[in-house]
C-alpha atoms as a PDB file:
ATOM      1  CA  MET A   1     159.261 354.572  20.710  1.00  0.00           C
ATOM      2  CA  GLY A   2     162.476 354.008  18.691  1.00  0.00           C
ATOM      3  CA  LYS A   3     164.307 350.743  18.431  1.00  0.00           C
ATOM      4  CA  SER A   4     167.655 350.181  20.111  1.00  0.00           C
ATOM      5  CA  LYS A   5     170.576 351.167  17.927  1.00  0.00           C
ATOM      6  CA  THR A   6     172.825 348.438  19.235  1.00  0.00           C
ATOM      7  CA  SER A   7     172.842 344.778  18.480  1.00  0.00           C
ATOM      8  CA  GLY A   8     173.308 343.157  21.868  1.00  0.00           C
ATOM      9  CA  ALA A   9     175.416 340.257  20.671  1.00  0.00           C
ATOM     10  CA  SER A  10     178.066 342.156  18.758  1.00  0.00           C
ATOM     11  CA  GLY A  11     178.145 345.307  20.855  1.00  0.00           C
ATOM     12  CA  LYS A  12     178.266 347.376  17.611  1.00  0.00           C
ATOM     13  CA  ALA A  13     175.869 350.088  16.556  1.00  0.00           C
ATOM     14  CA  ARG A  14     173.869 349.415  13.415  1.00  0.00           C
ATOM     15  CA  THR A  15     176.183 351.850  11.693  1.00  0.00           C
ATOM     16  CA  GLY A  16     178.974 349.262  12.074  1.00  0.00           C
ATOM     17  CA  LYS A  17     180.930 351.357  14.599  1.00  0.00           C
ATOM     18  CA  PRO A  18     182.139 349.567  17.711  1.00  0.00           C
ATOM     19  CA  ALA A  19     180.282 350.380  20.901  1.00  0.00           C
ATOM     20  CA  PRO A  20     182.183 352.747  23.198  1.00  0.00           C
ATOM     21  CA  ARG A  21     184.555 350.915  25.519  1.00  0.00           C
ATOM     22  CA  ARG A  22     183.639 351.198  29.154  1.00  0.00           C
ATOM     23  CA  ARG A  23     186.132 353.031  31.306  1.00  0.00           C
ATOM     24  CA  PRO A  24     187.766 351.038  34.092  1.00  0.00           C
ATOM     25  CA  ILE A  25     186.551 351.743  37.622  1.00  0.00           C
ATOM     26  CA  VAL A  26     189.680 352.297  39.691  1.00  0.00           C
ATOM     27  CA  SER A  27     190.687 354.243  42.792  1.00  0.00           C
ATOM     28  CA  SER A  28     194.148 355.192  41.535  1.00  0.00           C
ATOM     29  CA  ALA A  29     194.219 356.022  37.830  1.00  0.00           C
ATOM     30  CA  HIS A  30     197.995 356.445  37.945  1.00  0.00           C
ATOM     31  CA  LEU A  31     198.291 352.695  38.677  1.00  0.00           C
ATOM     32  CA  ALA A  32     195.913 351.629  35.897  1.00  0.00           C
ATOM     33  CA  SER A  33     198.442 351.316  33.098  1.00  0.00           C
ATOM     34  CA  GLU A  34     197.367 349.390  30.006  1.00  0.00           C
ATOM     35  CA  LYS A  35     199.409 346.461  31.309  1.00  0.00           C
ATOM     36  CA  LEU A  36     197.528 346.217  34.625  1.00  0.00           C
ATOM     37  CA  THR A  37     194.141 347.891  34.097  1.00  0.00           C
ATOM     38  CA  ALA A  38     192.121 344.810  35.068  1.00  0.00           C
ATOM     39  CA  LEU A  39     194.284 344.294  38.163  1.00  0.00           C
ATOM     40  CA  SER A  40     193.657 347.924  39.173  1.00  0.00           C
ATOM     41  CA  GLU A  41     189.904 347.352  38.783  1.00  0.00           C
ATOM     42  CA  PHE A  42     190.135 344.199  40.888  1.00  0.00           C
ATOM     43  CA  GLU A  43     192.128 345.979  43.616  1.00  0.00           C
ATOM     44  CA  PHE A  44     189.561 348.762  43.872  1.00  0.00           C
ATOM     45  CA  ALA A  45     186.730 346.209  44.096  1.00  0.00           C
ATOM     46  CA  LEU A  46     188.760 344.282  46.685  1.00  0.00           C
ATOM     47  CA  MET A  47     189.223 347.405  48.819  1.00  0.00           C
ATOM     48  CA  MET A  48     185.519 348.211  48.663  1.00  0.00           C
ATOM     49  CA  SER A  49     184.521 344.621  49.410  1.00  0.00           C
ATOM     50  CA  GLY A  50     187.072 344.250  52.204  1.00  0.00           C
ATOM     51  CA  ASN A  51     185.905 347.401  53.962  1.00  0.00           C
ATOM     52  CA  ALA A  52     182.235 346.499  53.501  1.00  0.00           C
ATOM     53  CA  PHE A  53     182.868 342.982  54.811  1.00  0.00           C
ATOM     54  CA  ALA A  54     184.779 344.254  57.869  1.00  0.00           C
ATOM     55  CA  ARG A  55     181.972 346.705  58.657  1.00  0.00           C
ATOM     56  CA  TRP A  56     179.350 343.972  58.170  1.00  0.00           C
ATOM     57  CA  ILE A  57     180.948 341.376  60.453  1.00  0.00           C
ATOM     58  CA  VAL A  58     181.417 343.890  63.283  1.00  0.00           C
ATOM     59  CA  ARG A  59     177.783 345.029  63.031  1.00  0.00           C
ATOM     60  CA  CYS A  60     176.492 341.473  62.732  1.00  0.00           C
ATOM     61  CA  MET A  61     178.449 340.493  65.856  1.00  0.00           C
ATOM     62  CA  THR A  62     177.070 343.553  67.656  1.00  0.00           C
ATOM     63  CA  ALA A  63     173.547 342.513  66.649  1.00  0.00           C
ATOM     64  CA  ALA A  64     174.321 339.021  67.953  1.00  0.00           C
ATOM     65  CA  GLY A  65     175.074 340.554  71.358  1.00  0.00           C
ATOM     66  CA  GLN A  66     178.817 341.250  71.424  1.00  0.00           C
ATOM     67  CA  PRO A  67     179.665 344.876  70.551  1.00  0.00           C
ATOM     68  CA  ASP A  68     183.289 344.918  71.727  1.00  0.00           C
ATOM     69  CA  LEU A  69     184.980 342.992  68.911  1.00  0.00           C
ATOM     70  CA  ALA A  70     186.966 344.386  65.974  1.00  0.00           C
ATOM     71  CA  ALA A  71     186.723 342.760  62.541  1.00  0.00           C
ATOM     72  CA  LEU A  72     189.888 340.697  63.077  1.00  0.00           C
ATOM     73  CA  ASP A  73     188.566 339.522  66.457  1.00  0.00           C
ATOM     74  CA  VAL A  74     185.353 338.290  64.805  1.00  0.00           C
ATOM     75  CA  MET A  75     187.352 336.349  62.197  1.00  0.00           C
ATOM     76  CA  VAL A  76     189.563 334.858  64.911  1.00  0.00           C
ATOM     77  CA  LEU A  77     186.542 333.803  66.998  1.00  0.00           C
ATOM     78  CA  HIS A  78     184.934 332.016  64.044  1.00  0.00           C
ATOM     79  CA  SER A  79     188.262 330.381  63.185  1.00  0.00           C
ATOM     80  CA  ILE A  80     188.680 329.089  66.741  1.00  0.00           C
ATOM     81  CA  ASN A  81     185.114 327.762  66.708  1.00  0.00           C
ATOM     82  CA  HIS A  82     185.704 326.012  63.339  1.00  0.00           C
ATOM     83  CA  ARG A  83     185.261 322.234  63.696  1.00  0.00           C
ATOM     84  CA  ASP A  84     185.423 322.572  67.502  1.00  0.00           C
ATOM     85  CA  ARG A  85     189.186 321.934  67.537  1.00  0.00           C
ATOM     86  CA  PRO A  86     191.587 323.895  69.793  1.00  0.00           C
ATOM     87  CA  LYS A  87     193.985 326.146  67.869  1.00  0.00           C
ATOM     88  CA  ARG A  88     197.321 327.795  68.571  1.00  0.00           C
ATOM     89  CA  LEU A  89     198.142 331.412  67.809  1.00  0.00           C
ATOM     90  CA  ALA A  90     200.358 330.243  64.924  1.00  0.00           C
ATOM     91  CA  ASP A  91     197.486 328.168  63.471  1.00  0.00           C
ATOM     92  CA  LEU A  92     195.135 331.150  63.544  1.00  0.00           C
ATOM     93  CA  CYS A  93     197.666 333.476  61.896  1.00  0.00           C
ATOM     94  CA  LEU A  94     198.386 330.907  59.189  1.00  0.00           C
ATOM     95  CA  VAL A  95     194.740 330.237  58.336  1.00  0.00           C
ATOM     96  CA  LEU A  96     193.794 333.929  58.339  1.00  0.00           C
ATOM     97  CA  ASN A  97     197.019 334.939  56.535  1.00  0.00           C
ATOM     98  CA  VAL A  98     197.914 337.454  59.258  1.00  0.00           C
ATOM     99  CA  GLU A  99     201.582 338.368  59.466  1.00  0.00           C
ATOM    100  CA  ASP A 100     201.453 340.432  62.662  1.00  0.00           C
ATOM    101  CA  SER A 101     200.667 337.848  65.318  1.00  0.00           C
ATOM    102  CA  HIS A 102     200.466 340.572  67.988  1.00  0.00           C
ATOM    103  CA  THR A 103     197.152 341.782  66.574  1.00  0.00           C
ATOM    104  CA  VAL A 104     195.682 338.282  66.838  1.00  0.00           C
ATOM    105  CA  ASN A 105     197.177 337.776  70.314  1.00  0.00           C
ATOM    106  CA  TYR A 106     195.613 341.050  71.489  1.00  0.00           C
ATOM    107  CA  GLY A 107     192.218 339.870  70.256  1.00  0.00           C
ATOM    108  CA  LEU A 108     192.650 336.505  71.950  1.00  0.00           C
ATOM    109  CA  LYS A 109     193.342 338.162  75.308  1.00  0.00           C
ATOM    110  CA  LYS A 110     190.283 340.366  74.866  1.00  0.00           C
ATOM    111  CA  MET A 111     188.073 337.351  74.052  1.00  0.00           C
ATOM    112  CA  VAL A 112     189.421 335.418  77.059  1.00  0.00           C
ATOM    113  CA  ARG A 113     188.466 338.413  79.262  1.00  0.00           C
ATOM    114  CA  LEU A 114     184.987 338.470  77.679  1.00  0.00           C
ATOM    115  CA  GLY A 115     184.540 334.753  78.383  1.00  0.00           C
ATOM    116  CA  LEU A 116     184.231 333.800  74.704  1.00  0.00           C
ATOM    117  CA  VAL A 117     187.476 331.838  74.479  1.00  0.00           C
ATOM    118  CA  SER A 118     189.585 329.843  76.897  1.00  0.00           C
ATOM    119  CA  GLY A 119     193.246 328.929  76.621  1.00  0.00           C
ATOM    120  CA  GLU A 120     194.889 325.666  77.690  1.00  0.00           C
ATOM    121  CA  ARG A 121     198.671 325.493  78.009  1.00  0.00           C
ATOM    122  CA  ARG A 122     200.300 322.392  76.508  1.00  0.00           C
ATOM    123  CA  GLY A 123     204.054 322.579  76.949  1.00  0.00           C
ATOM    124  CA  LYS A 124     205.158 325.939  75.531  1.00  0.00           C
ATOM    125  CA  GLU A 125     202.000 326.445  73.463  1.00  0.00           C
ATOM    126  CA  ILE A 126     198.543 327.728  74.367  1.00  0.00           C
ATOM    127  CA  PHE A 127     195.611 326.101  72.576  1.00  0.00           C
ATOM    128  CA  TYR A 128     192.456 328.197  72.330  1.00  0.00           C
ATOM    129  CA  SER A 129     188.865 326.915  72.265  1.00  0.00           C
ATOM    130  CA  THR A 130     185.512 328.645  72.281  1.00  0.00           C
ATOM    131  CA  THR A 131     183.579 328.524  75.533  1.00  0.00           C
ATOM    132  CA  ALA A 132     179.863 327.716  75.692  1.00  0.00           C
ATOM    133  CA  LYS A 133     179.254 331.490  75.558  1.00  0.00           C
ATOM    134  CA  GLY A 134     181.510 331.823  72.503  1.00  0.00           C
ATOM    135  CA  ARG A 135     179.807 328.944  70.681  1.00  0.00           C
ATOM    136  CA  ALA A 136     176.345 330.364  71.429  1.00  0.00           C
ATOM    137  CA  LEU A 137     177.483 333.758  70.102  1.00  0.00           C
ATOM    138  CA  CYS A 138     178.762 332.169  66.867  1.00  0.00           C
ATOM    139  CA  LEU A 139     175.393 330.449  66.387  1.00  0.00           C
ATOM    140  CA  GLU A 140     173.487 333.697  66.983  1.00  0.00           C
ATOM    141  CA  TYR A 141     175.791 335.422  64.453  1.00  0.00           C
ATOM    142  CA  ARG A 142     175.009 332.638  61.963  1.00  0.00           C
ATOM    143  CA  LYS A 143     171.266 333.100  62.502  1.00  0.00           C
ATOM    144  CA  ILE A 144     171.470 336.863  61.873  1.00  0.00           C
ATOM    145  CA  ARG A 145     173.801 336.346  58.887  1.00  0.00           C
ATOM    146  CA  GLU A 146     171.346 333.934  57.249  1.00  0.00           C
ATOM    147  CA  GLU A 147     168.422 336.246  57.945  1.00  0.00           C
ATOM    148  CA  LEU A 148     170.048 339.418  56.602  1.00  0.00           C
ATOM    149  CA  LEU A 149     172.193 338.055  53.783  1.00  0.00           C
ATOM    150  CA  GLY A 150     169.999 335.151  52.713  1.00  0.00           C
ATOM    151  CA  GLU A 151     167.615 337.192  50.595  1.00  0.00           C
ATOM    152  CA  ALA A 152     170.401 339.133  48.845  1.00  0.00           C
ATOM    153  CA  TYR A 153     172.368 335.919  48.289  1.00  0.00           C
ATOM    154  CA  ALA A 154     169.312 334.265  46.726  1.00  0.00           C
ATOM    155  CA  LEU A 155     169.184 337.078  44.155  1.00  0.00           C
ATOM    156  CA  ILE A 156     172.641 336.211  42.793  1.00  0.00           C
ATOM    157  CA  GLY A 157     172.007 334.687  39.410  1.00  0.00           C
ATOM    158  CA  GLN A 158     168.696 336.550  38.990  1.00  0.00           C
ATOM    159  CA  PRO A 159     168.159 339.658  36.828  1.00  0.00           C
ATOM    160  CA  GLN A 160     168.450 342.816  38.927  1.00  0.00           C
ATOM    161  CA  MET A 161     165.947 345.597  38.148  1.00  0.00           C
ATOM    162  CA  GLY A 162     166.241 345.279  34.388  1.00  0.00           C
ATOM    163  CA  GLN A 163     170.010 344.737  34.490  1.00  0.00           C
ATOM    164  CA  ALA A 164     171.991 341.642  33.638  1.00  0.00           C
ATOM    165  CA  LYS A 165     172.221 339.074  36.387  1.00  0.00           C
ATOM    166  CA  ILE A 166     175.227 339.537  38.670  1.00  0.00           C
ATOM    167  CA  GLY A 167     176.343 335.932  38.793  1.00  0.00           C
ATOM    168  CA  GLU A 168     175.444 332.299  38.482  1.00  0.00           C
ATOM    169  CA  GLY A 169     174.816 331.606  42.157  1.00  0.00           C
ATOM    170  CA  GLN A 170     176.929 329.377  44.374  1.00  0.00           C
ATOM    171  CA  ALA A 171     179.101 328.007  41.571  1.00  0.00           C
ATOM    172  CA  ASP A 172     180.013 331.543  40.523  1.00  0.00           C
ATOM    173  CA  LEU A 173     180.915 332.527  44.084  1.00  0.00           C
ATOM    174  CA  SER A 174     183.064 329.392  44.412  1.00  0.00           C
ATOM    175  CA  ARG A 175     184.957 330.328  41.234  1.00  0.00           C
ATOM    176  CA  ILE A 176     185.497 333.841  42.568  1.00  0.00           C
ATOM    177  CA  ALA A 177     186.766 332.406  45.866  1.00  0.00           C
ATOM    178  CA  ASP A 178     189.229 330.180  43.963  1.00  0.00           C
ATOM    179  CA  LEU A 179     190.470 333.176  42.010  1.00  0.00           C
ATOM    180  CA  MET A 180     190.842 335.290  45.149  1.00  0.00           C
ATOM    181  CA  ARG A 181     192.859 332.567  46.911  1.00  0.00           C
ATOM    182  CA  ALA A 182     195.151 332.331  43.872  1.00  0.00           C
ATOM    183  CA  LEU A 183     195.544 336.102  43.815  1.00  0.00           C
ATOM    184  CA  SER A 184     196.363 336.151  47.526  1.00  0.00           C
ATOM    185  CA  GLY A 185     199.302 333.847  46.749  1.00  0.00           C
ATOM    186  CA  MET A 186     200.382 336.200  43.962  1.00  0.00           C
ATOM    187  CA  TYR A 187     200.314 339.177  46.336  1.00  0.00           C
ATOM    188  CA  ASP A 188     202.188 337.217  49.040  1.00  0.00           C
ATOM    189  CA  GLN A 189     204.923 336.335  46.558  1.00  0.00           C
ATOM    190  CA  ALA A 190     205.133 339.935  45.352  1.00  0.00           C
ATOM    191  CA  ALA A 191     205.344 341.144  48.984  1.00  0.00           C
ATOM    192  CA  ARG A 192     208.287 338.805  49.632  1.00  0.00           C
ATOM    193  CA  ALA A 193     209.999 340.067  46.481  1.00  0.00           C
ATOM    194  CA  ALA A 194     209.353 343.706  47.448  1.00  0.00           C
ATOM    195  CA  ALA A 195     210.911 343.106  50.879  1.00  0.00           C
ATOM    196  CA  SER A 196     214.211 342.190  49.196  1.00  0.00           C
ATOM    197  CA  LEU A 197     214.375 345.287  46.931  1.00  0.00           C
END
């Protein structure tokens, strides 16, 4: 058949005309001004990823044997189980960057009722730890996570059905995580500024 009319490296057609610019993928075109187009693309991707991640962790926890937890509850449970150290409500909210501590406290009470977490009062504070049942549930979640996400994760850095590869593997994901943490600080600062307007 015919040869490709584009030269891959330059992105220009053989006629010397620049290749058409791809349109940004955004959810709110009115926010995608020339000044913040890339940020609008990132925010749309963040919304899609955030919702997909929340749906995934709830379904993974259900598959692990605990169907009664919301996405925030699952994150709180894993955070409490982290390094097997008891944590206060304030610690959990700080690590998870949750401003409304009532939502975390509600989840904690639910997990105490389910026997996944126990609380120990020390002075005015309650320190939460995972129970044997909670730790076993976290391990079952890990097993299912590795089974279901392992194959897809291994494909990062590999060509996908004739397309360019989607990343460079673990190093690429680490760079993305660094960028997302930096952006979370940017959004926190902007939120504080907006509160004073």
